C-alpha atoms as a PDB file:
ATOM      1  CA  MET A   1     -73.240  12.837  15.382  1.00  0.00           C
ATOM      2  CA  GLU A   2     -72.495  13.569  18.991  1.00  0.00           C
ATOM      3  CA  ALA A   3     -69.274  15.520  19.485  1.00  0.00           C
ATOM      4  CA  LEU A   4     -68.369  15.634  15.795  1.00  0.00           C
ATOM      5  CA  PRO A   5     -65.932  18.395  14.911  1.00  0.00           C
ATOM      6  CA  GLU A   6     -67.057  21.152  12.558  1.00  0.00           C
ATOM      7  CA  PRO A   7     -65.386  19.683   9.428  1.00  0.00           C
ATOM      8  CA  ALA A   8     -67.187  16.380   9.976  1.00  0.00           C
ATOM      9  CA  LEU A   9     -70.523  18.177  10.466  1.00  0.00           C
ATOM     10  CA  LEU A  10     -69.960  19.994   7.187  1.00  0.00           C
ATOM     11  CA  GLN A  11     -69.333  16.679   5.471  1.00  0.00           C
ATOM     12  CA  VAL A  12     -72.558  15.208   6.914  1.00  0.00           C
ATOM     13  CA  ALA A  13     -74.493  18.293   5.824  1.00  0.00           C
ATOM     14  CA  GLY A  14     -73.058  17.976   2.305  1.00  0.00           C
ATOM     15  CA  TYR A  15     -74.161  14.347   2.134  1.00  0.00           C
ATOM     16  CA  PHE A  16     -77.718  15.286   3.051  1.00  0.00           C
ATOM     17  CA  GLN A  17     -77.616  18.238   0.679  1.00  0.00           C
ATOM     18  CA  ALA A  18     -76.733  15.846  -2.147  1.00  0.00           C
ATOM     19  CA  LEU A  19     -79.895  13.899  -1.280  1.00  0.00           C
ATOM     20  CA  SER A  20     -82.078  17.018  -1.087  1.00  0.00           C
ATOM     21  CA  GLU A  21     -82.592  17.360  -4.851  1.00  0.00           C
ATOM     22  CA  PRO A  22     -85.454  15.352  -6.439  1.00  0.00           C
ATOM     23  CA  THR A  23     -83.532  14.773  -9.675  1.00  0.00           C
ATOM     24  CA  ARG A  24     -80.668  13.194  -7.756  1.00  0.00           C
ATOM     25  CA  LEU A  25     -83.109  10.962  -5.883  1.00  0.00           C
ATOM     26  CA  ARG A  26     -84.621   9.928  -9.219  1.00  0.00           C
ATOM     27  CA  ILE A  27     -81.136   9.075 -10.514  1.00  0.00           C
ATOM     28  CA  LEU A  28     -80.384   7.029  -7.392  1.00  0.00           C
ATOM     29  CA  ASN A  29     -83.625   5.118  -7.874  1.00  0.00           C
ATOM     30  CA  LEU A  30     -82.696   4.332 -11.477  1.00  0.00           C
ATOM     31  CA  LEU A  31     -79.256   3.167 -10.391  1.00  0.00           C
ATOM     32  CA  ARG A  32     -80.883   0.922  -7.795  1.00  0.00           C
ATOM     33  CA  GLU A  33     -82.052  -1.270 -10.668  1.00  0.00           C
ATOM     34  CA  GLN A  34     -78.736  -1.406 -12.564  1.00  0.00           C
ATOM     35  CA  GLU A  35     -75.717   0.629 -13.571  1.00  0.00           C
ATOM     36  CA  ARG A  36     -76.354   3.076 -16.393  1.00  0.00           C
ATOM     37  CA  ASN A  37     -74.589   5.633 -18.548  1.00  0.00           C
ATOM     38  CA  VAL A  38     -75.442   9.336 -18.719  1.00  0.00           C
ATOM     39  CA  GLY A  39     -77.441   8.973 -21.935  1.00  0.00           C
ATOM     40  CA  GLU A  40     -79.655   6.256 -20.467  1.00  0.00           C
ATOM     41  CA  LEU A  41     -80.216   8.245 -17.283  1.00  0.00           C
ATOM     42  CA  ALA A  42     -81.014  11.407 -19.247  1.00  0.00           C
ATOM     43  CA  THR A  43     -83.579   9.563 -21.360  1.00  0.00           C
ATOM     44  CA  LEU A  44     -85.206   7.902 -18.363  1.00  0.00           C
ATOM     45  CA  CYS A  45     -85.290  11.139 -16.339  1.00  0.00           C
ATOM     46  CA  GLY A  46     -86.371  13.347 -19.222  1.00  0.00           C
ATOM     47  CA  TYR A  47     -83.491  15.794 -18.671  1.00  0.00           C
ATOM     48  CA  SER A  48     -80.515  16.794 -20.783  1.00  0.00           C
ATOM     49  CA  ALA A  49     -77.316  14.799 -20.522  1.00  0.00           C
ATOM     50  CA  ALA A  50     -75.550  17.926 -19.261  1.00  0.00           C
ATOM     51  CA  ASN A  51     -78.070  18.309 -16.434  1.00  0.00           C
ATOM     52  CA  VAL A  52     -77.786  14.643 -15.452  1.00  0.00           C
ATOM     53  CA  SER A  53     -73.981  14.869 -15.588  1.00  0.00           C
ATOM     54  CA  ARG A  54     -74.030  17.792 -13.142  1.00  0.00           C
ATOM     55  CA  HIS A  55     -76.191  15.814 -10.730  1.00  0.00           C
ATOM     56  CA  LEU A  56     -74.004  12.723 -11.078  1.00  0.00           C
ATOM     57  CA  SER A  57     -70.968  14.860 -10.301  1.00  0.00           C
ATOM     58  CA  GLN A  58     -72.601  15.978  -7.035  1.00  0.00           C
ATOM     59  CA  LEU A  59     -73.505  12.404  -6.139  1.00  0.00           C
ATOM     60  CA  GLN A  60     -69.984  11.232  -6.893  1.00  0.00           C
ATOM     61  CA  GLN A  61     -68.427  14.070  -4.896  1.00  0.00           C
ATOM     62  CA  HIS A  62     -70.298  12.853  -1.802  1.00  0.00           C
ATOM     63  CA  GLY A  63     -69.473   9.175  -2.359  1.00  0.00           C
ATOM     64  CA  LEU A  64     -72.960   8.077  -3.390  1.00  0.00           C
ATOM     65  CA  VAL A  65     -72.097   6.900  -6.898  1.00  0.00           C
ATOM     66  CA  GLU A  66     -68.963   5.735  -8.646  1.00  0.00           C
ATOM     67  CA  ARG A  67     -68.110   5.815 -12.304  1.00  0.00           C
ATOM     68  CA  GLU A  68     -66.333   3.454 -14.650  1.00  0.00           C
ATOM     69  CA  SER A  69     -65.121   4.254 -18.160  1.00  0.00           C
ATOM     70  CA  ARG A  70     -65.791   1.612 -20.795  1.00  0.00           C
ATOM     71  CA  GLY A  71     -64.587   2.592 -24.228  1.00  0.00           C
ATOM     72  CA  THR A  72     -66.329   5.857 -25.069  1.00  0.00           C
ATOM     73  CA  SER A  73     -69.007   5.496 -22.395  1.00  0.00           C
ATOM     74  CA  VAL A  74     -68.965   6.148 -18.673  1.00  0.00           C
ATOM     75  CA  TYR A  75     -71.187   3.988 -16.482  1.00  0.00           C
ATOM     76  CA  TYR A  76     -72.429   4.936 -13.041  1.00  0.00           C
ATOM     77  CA  ARG A  77     -73.405   2.651 -10.207  1.00  0.00           C
ATOM     78  CA  ILE A  78     -74.220   3.015  -6.529  1.00  0.00           C
ATOM     79  CA  ALA A  79     -71.104   3.309  -4.400  1.00  0.00           C
ATOM     80  CA  ASP A  80     -72.840   2.624  -1.091  1.00  0.00           C
ATOM     81  CA  PRO A  81     -76.178   0.744  -1.058  1.00  0.00           C
ATOM     82  CA  ALA A  82     -76.720   1.965   2.531  1.00  0.00           C
ATOM     83  CA  VAL A  83     -78.145   5.143   0.989  1.00  0.00           C
ATOM     84  CA  TYR A  84     -81.297   3.145   0.177  1.00  0.00           C
ATOM     85  CA  ALA A  85     -81.731   2.118   3.813  1.00  0.00           C
ATOM     86  CA  LEU A  86     -81.476   5.784   4.776  1.00  0.00           C
ATOM     87  CA  CYS A  87     -84.009   6.805   2.120  1.00  0.00           C
ATOM     88  CA  ASP A  88     -86.366   3.991   3.141  1.00  0.00           C
ATOM     89  CA  LEU A  89     -86.116   5.142   6.757  1.00  0.00           C
ATOM     90  CA  VAL A  90     -87.026   8.706   5.764  1.00  0.00           C
ATOM     91  CA  CYS A  91     -89.881   7.523   3.520  1.00  0.00           C
ATOM     92  CA  GLY A  92     -91.288   5.404   6.357  1.00  0.00           C
ATOM     93  CA  GLN A  93     -91.161   8.356   8.724  1.00  0.00           C
ATOM     94  CA  LEU A  94     -92.922  10.597   6.187  1.00  0.00           C
ATOM     95  CA  ALA A  95     -95.623   7.960   5.664  1.00  0.00           C
ATOM     96  CA  ARG A  96     -96.233   7.718   9.419  1.00  0.00           C
ATOM     97  CA  GLN A  97     -96.381  11.496   9.663  1.00  0.00           C
ATOM     98  CA  ALA A  98     -98.929  11.651   6.816  1.00  0.00           C
ATOM     99  CA  GLU A  99    -101.052   9.008   8.572  1.00  0.00           C
ATOM    100  CA  ARG A 100    -101.042  11.010  11.814  1.00  0.00           C
ATOM    101  CA  GLU A 101    -101.995  14.185   9.964  1.00  0.00           C
ATOM    102  CA  ALA A 102    -104.813  12.370   8.146  1.00  0.00           C
ATOM    103  CA  SER A 103    -106.126  11.041  11.470  1.00  0.00           C
ATOM    104  CA  THR A 104    -106.042  14.523  12.958  1.00  0.00           C
ATOM    105  CA  ARG A 105    -107.910  15.984   9.975  1.00  0.00           C
ATOM    106  CA  ALA A 106    -110.473  13.183  10.144  1.00  0.00           C
ATOM    107  CA  ALA A 107    -111.288  14.152  13.742  1.00  0.00           C
ATOM    108  CA  PHE A 108    -112.563  17.516  12.470  1.00  0.00           C
ATOM    109  CA  LEU A 109    -114.813  16.101   9.759  1.00  0.00           C
ATOM    110  CA  PRO A 110    -118.534  16.099  10.499  1.00  0.00           C
ATOM    111  CA  LYS A 111    -119.907  12.750  11.609  1.00  0.00           C
ATOM    112  CA  THR A 112    -122.496  11.237   9.305  1.00  0.00           C
ATOM    113  CA  PHE A 113    -125.487   9.534  10.864  1.00  0.00           C
ATOM    114  CA  SER A 114    -127.445   6.744   9.249  1.00  0.00           C
END
Protein backbone atom coordinates (compact mmCIF):
# COMPACT_ATOMS: atom_id res chain seq x y z
CA MET A 1 0.00 0.00 0.00
CA GLU A 2 3.03 2.21 0.18
CA ALA A 3 2.66 5.41 -1.84
CA LEU A 4 -0.81 4.59 -3.16
CA PRO A 5 -2.74 7.63 -4.33
CA GLU A 6 -5.95 8.57 -2.54
CA PRO A 7 -8.31 6.98 -5.12
CA ALA A 8 -6.49 3.66 -4.78
CA LEU A 9 -6.65 3.85 -0.97
CA LEU A 10 -10.39 4.44 -1.22
CA GLN A 11 -10.71 1.37 -3.41
CA VAL A 12 -8.74 -0.75 -0.90
CA ALA A 13 -10.89 0.56 1.95
CA GLY A 14 -14.05 -0.32 0.00
CA TYR A 15 -12.78 -3.86 -0.54
CA PHE A 16 -12.22 -4.33 3.18
CA GLN A 17 -15.55 -2.69 3.95
CA ALA A 18 -17.25 -5.28 1.75
CA LEU A 19 -15.63 -7.97 3.91
CA SER A 20 -16.60 -6.28 7.19
CA GLU A 21 -20.20 -7.56 7.23
CA PRO A 22 -20.82 -11.04 8.73
CA THR A 23 -23.63 -11.82 6.28
CA ARG A 24 -21.32 -11.19 3.34
CA LEU A 25 -18.67 -13.44 4.89
CA ARG A 26 -21.32 -16.14 5.32
CA ILE A 27 -22.26 -15.77 1.64
CA LEU A 28 -18.61 -16.02 0.59
CA ASN A 29 -18.25 -19.19 2.64
CA LEU A 30 -21.29 -20.71 0.94
CA LEU A 31 -19.92 -19.78 -2.47
CA ARG A 32 -16.62 -21.42 -1.55
CA GLU A 33 -18.40 -24.76 -1.84
CA GLN A 34 -20.18 -24.09 -5.16
CA GLU A 35 -21.96 -21.44 -7.18
CA ARG A 36 -25.49 -20.71 -6.02
CA ASN A 37 -28.50 -18.59 -6.87
CA VAL A 38 -30.07 -15.97 -4.60
CA GLY A 39 -32.85 -18.29 -3.43
CA GLU A 40 -30.40 -20.98 -2.35
CA LEU A 41 -28.21 -18.46 -0.54
CA ALA A 42 -31.22 -16.89 1.19
CA THR A 43 -32.40 -20.29 2.41
CA LEU A 44 -28.96 -21.31 3.63
CA CYS A 45 -28.34 -17.96 5.35
CA GLY A 46 -31.82 -17.64 6.80
CA TYR A 47 -32.32 -14.16 5.31
CA SER A 48 -34.72 -12.78 2.73
CA ALA A 49 -33.79 -12.92 -0.93
CA ALA A 50 -33.87 -9.12 -1.03
CA ASN A 51 -31.35 -8.91 1.82
CA VAL A 52 -29.04 -11.46 0.20
CA SER A 53 -29.34 -9.65 -3.15
CA ARG A 54 -28.21 -6.39 -1.53
CA HIS A 55 -25.17 -8.11 -0.04
CA LEU A 56 -24.35 -9.83 -3.34
CA SER A 57 -24.53 -6.45 -5.06
CA GLN A 58 -21.91 -5.09 -2.64
CA LEU A 59 -19.68 -8.12 -3.18
CA GLN A 60 -20.01 -7.80 -6.94
CA GLN A 61 -19.29 -4.07 -6.86
CA HIS A 62 -15.93 -4.80 -5.22
CA GLY A 63 -15.05 -7.67 -7.56
CA LEU A 64 -15.49 -10.47 -5.04
CA VAL A 65 -18.30 -12.31 -6.83
CA GLU A 66 -19.53 -12.51 -10.39
CA ARG A 67 -22.96 -13.37 -11.67
CA GLU A 68 -24.26 -15.37 -14.60
CA SER A 69 -27.83 -15.43 -15.88
CA ARG A 70 -29.23 -18.84 -16.77
CA GLY A 71 -32.80 -18.72 -17.96
CA THR A 72 -34.79 -17.09 -15.17
CA SER A 73 -32.13 -17.61 -12.52
CA VAL A 74 -28.94 -15.73 -11.72
CA TYR A 75 -26.04 -17.71 -10.29
CA TYR A 76 -23.20 -16.26 -8.27
CA ARG A 77 -19.69 -17.56 -7.91
CA ILE A 78 -16.41 -16.32 -6.48
CA ALA A 79 -14.63 -13.95 -8.83
CA ASP A 80 -11.28 -14.10 -7.06
CA PRO A 81 -10.45 -17.11 -4.83
CA ALA A 82 -7.59 -15.06 -3.30
CA VAL A 83 -10.21 -13.62 -0.94
CA TYR A 84 -10.11 -16.94 0.94
CA ALA A 85 -6.35 -16.68 1.45
CA LEU A 86 -6.88 -13.21 2.88
CA CYS A 87 -9.67 -14.42 5.18
CA ASP A 88 -7.59 -17.41 6.29
CA LEU A 89 -4.70 -15.07 7.08
CA VAL A 90 -6.97 -12.88 9.23
CA CYS A 91 -8.52 -15.91 10.96
CA GLY A 92 -5.05 -17.27 11.78
CA GLN A 93 -4.01 -13.94 13.24
CA LEU A 94 -7.17 -13.76 15.37
CA ALA A 95 -6.58 -17.31 16.62
CA ARG A 96 -3.01 -16.45 17.63
CA GLN A 97 -4.23 -13.31 19.37
CA ALA A 98 -6.86 -15.31 21.29
CA GLU A 99 -4.17 -17.80 22.37
CA ARG A 100 -1.95 -14.99 23.67
CA GLU A 101 -4.86 -13.45 25.56
CA ALA A 102 -5.78 -16.83 27.07
CA SER A 103 -2.17 -17.32 28.20
CA THR A 104 -2.14 -13.89 29.79
CA ARG A 105 -5.41 -14.56 31.62
CA ALA A 106 -4.12 -17.94 32.79
CA ALA A 107 -1.15 -16.22 34.46
CA PHE A 108 -3.59 -14.45 36.81
CA LEU A 109 -5.49 -17.57 37.84
CA PRO A 110 -4.73 -18.95 41.29
CA LYS A 111 -2.38 -21.92 41.30
CA THR A 112 -3.86 -25.12 42.66
CA PHE A 113 -1.70 -27.29 44.87
CA SER A 114 -2.07 -31.03 45.23
